[in-house]
C-alpha atoms as a PDB file:
ATOM      1  CA  UNK A   1    -107.353  18.248 -40.260  1.00  0.00           C
ATOM      2  CA  UNK A   2    -109.106  16.230 -37.544  1.00  0.00           C
ATOM      3  CA  UNK A   3    -112.244  14.447 -38.678  1.00  0.00           C
ATOM      4  CA  UNK A   4    -115.275  14.519 -36.358  1.00  0.00           C
ATOM      5  CA  UNK A   5    -117.217  11.241 -36.337  1.00  0.00           C
ATOM      6  CA  UNK A   6    -120.888  11.017 -35.478  1.00  0.00           C
ATOM      7  CA  UNK A   7    -122.794   8.181 -33.802  1.00  0.00           C
ATOM      8  CA  UNK A   8    -119.757   6.174 -32.680  1.00  0.00           C
ATOM      9  CA  UNK A   9    -120.755   4.133 -29.616  1.00  0.00           C
ATOM     10  CA  UNK A  10    -118.690   4.401 -26.453  1.00  0.00           C
ATOM     11  CA  UNK A  11    -117.264   0.987 -25.508  1.00  0.00           C
ATOM     12  CA  UNK A  12    -117.990  -0.530 -22.103  1.00  0.00           C
ATOM     13  CA  UNK A  13    -115.382  -0.004 -19.404  1.00  0.00           C
ATOM     14  CA  UNK A  14    -113.005  -2.947 -19.375  1.00  0.00           C
ATOM     15  CA  UNK A  15    -113.161  -5.088 -16.270  1.00  0.00           C
ATOM     16  CA  UNK A  16    -110.225  -4.789 -13.928  1.00  0.00           C
ATOM     17  CA  UNK A  17    -107.894  -7.648 -14.688  1.00  0.00           C
ATOM     18  CA  UNK A  18    -106.053  -9.912 -12.348  1.00  0.00           C
ATOM     19  CA  UNK A  19    -104.011  -8.015  -9.797  1.00  0.00           C
ATOM     20  CA  UNK A  20    -100.262  -8.306  -9.987  1.00  0.00           C
ATOM     21  CA  UNK A  21     -99.839  -8.642  -6.224  1.00  0.00           C
ATOM     22  CA  UNK A  22    -102.181 -10.487  -3.777  1.00  0.00           C
ATOM     23  CA  UNK A  23    -103.066  -7.524  -1.535  1.00  0.00           C
ATOM     24  CA  UNK A  24    -106.767  -8.392  -1.708  1.00  0.00           C
ATOM     25  CA  UNK A  25    -106.152 -11.872  -0.247  1.00  0.00           C
ATOM     26  CA  UNK A  26    -104.051 -10.716   2.686  1.00  0.00           C
ATOM     27  CA  UNK A  27    -105.043 -10.379   6.328  1.00  0.00           C
ATOM     28  CA  UNK A  28    -103.124  -8.463   8.980  1.00  0.00           C
ATOM     29  CA  UNK A  29     -99.867 -10.331   9.675  1.00  0.00           C
ATOM     30  CA  UNK A  30     -99.729 -12.026   6.243  1.00  0.00           C
ATOM     31  CA  UNK A  31     -96.796 -11.433   3.915  1.00  0.00           C
ATOM     32  CA  UNK A  32     -95.490 -12.488   0.518  1.00  0.00           C
ATOM     33  CA  UNK A  33     -91.989 -12.753  -0.898  1.00  0.00           C
ATOM     34  CA  UNK A  34     -90.768 -11.674  -4.320  1.00  0.00           C
ATOM     35  CA  UNK A  35     -87.297 -12.881  -5.230  1.00  0.00           C
ATOM     36  CA  UNK A  36     -84.862 -10.707  -7.125  1.00  0.00           C
ATOM     37  CA  UNK A  37     -85.360 -12.934 -10.183  1.00  0.00           C
ATOM     38  CA  UNK A  38     -89.120 -12.190 -10.137  1.00  0.00           C
ATOM     39  CA  UNK A  39     -88.713  -8.415 -10.210  1.00  0.00           C
ATOM     40  CA  UNK A  40     -87.409  -5.773 -12.605  1.00  0.00           C
ATOM     41  CA  UNK A  41     -84.789  -3.225 -11.521  1.00  0.00           C
ATOM     42  CA  UNK A  42     -87.321  -0.795 -10.053  1.00  0.00           C
ATOM     43  CA  UNK A  43     -89.059  -3.562  -8.093  1.00  0.00           C
ATOM     44  CA  UNK A  44     -89.249  -1.916  -4.696  1.00  0.00           C
ATOM     45  CA  UNK A  45     -90.658   1.265  -6.163  1.00  0.00           C
ATOM     46  CA  UNK A  46     -93.266  -0.631  -8.193  1.00  0.00           C
ATOM     47  CA  UNK A  47     -94.258  -2.802  -5.242  1.00  0.00           C
ATOM     48  CA  UNK A  48     -94.533   0.174  -2.879  1.00  0.00           C
ATOM     49  CA  UNK A  49     -96.547   2.124  -5.431  1.00  0.00           C
ATOM     50  CA  UNK A  50     -98.931  -0.797  -5.957  1.00  0.00           C
ATOM     51  CA  UNK A  51     -99.453  -1.226  -2.213  1.00  0.00           C
ATOM     52  CA  UNK A  52    -100.131   2.488  -1.802  1.00  0.00           C
ATOM     53  CA  UNK A  53    -102.564   2.539  -4.714  1.00  0.00           C
ATOM     54  CA  UNK A  54    -104.429  -0.497  -3.324  1.00  0.00           C
ATOM     55  CA  UNK A  55    -104.688   1.183   0.102  1.00  0.00           C
ATOM     56  CA  UNK A  56    -105.999   4.433  -1.312  1.00  0.00           C
ATOM     57  CA  UNK A  57    -108.484   3.058  -3.852  1.00  0.00           C
ATOM     58  CA  UNK A  58    -109.614  -0.474  -2.950  1.00  0.00           C
ATOM     59  CA  UNK A  59    -109.280  -0.933   0.815  1.00  0.00           C
ATOM     60  CA  UNK A  60    -108.660   2.336   2.624  1.00  0.00           C
ATOM     61  CA  UNK A  61    -108.189   0.505   5.954  1.00  0.00           C
ATOM     62  CA  UNK A  62    -105.322  -1.669   4.662  1.00  0.00           C
ATOM     63  CA  UNK A  63    -101.694  -0.702   5.276  1.00  0.00           C
ATOM     64  CA  UNK A  64     -98.595  -2.465   4.017  1.00  0.00           C
ATOM     65  CA  UNK A  65     -94.860  -2.293   4.572  1.00  0.00           C
ATOM     66  CA  UNK A  66     -92.239  -3.518   2.105  1.00  0.00           C
ATOM     67  CA  UNK A  67     -88.717  -4.449   3.177  1.00  0.00           C
ATOM     68  CA  UNK A  68     -85.624  -5.696   1.422  1.00  0.00           C
ATOM     69  CA  UNK A  69     -84.757  -9.194   2.703  1.00  0.00           C
ATOM     70  CA  UNK A  70     -82.168 -11.761   1.648  1.00  0.00           C
ATOM     71  CA  UNK A  71     -82.755 -12.518  -2.020  1.00  0.00           C
ATOM     72  CA  UNK A  72     -85.617 -10.113  -2.687  1.00  0.00           C
ATOM     73  CA  UNK A  73     -88.440  -8.157  -1.091  1.00  0.00           C
ATOM     74  CA  UNK A  74     -91.189  -9.067   1.349  1.00  0.00           C
ATOM     75  CA  UNK A  75     -94.500  -7.211   1.725  1.00  0.00           C
ATOM     76  CA  UNK A  76     -96.466  -7.434   4.985  1.00  0.00           C
ATOM     77  CA  UNK A  77    -100.009  -6.310   5.696  1.00  0.00           C
ATOM     78  CA  UNK A  78     -99.753  -4.374   8.974  1.00  0.00           C
ATOM     79  CA  UNK A  79    -103.295  -3.014   9.242  1.00  0.00           C
END
């Protein structure tokens, strides 16, 4: 049986923590490198997903491209 509680206060929304990637500090033409040793196996997917999420929720004008380069991945802000 599920117990129903009364008068339990709703906690405040937690502040957004530090971002994993520096998208918010980038200007058009800037890039950052993540070496293979810095990333898990699904690194490119995670990085691309994070860039897409940032573009759709935080800065809708920002666009990024991620490419495999020697030794890791590089993300560029292109718009």
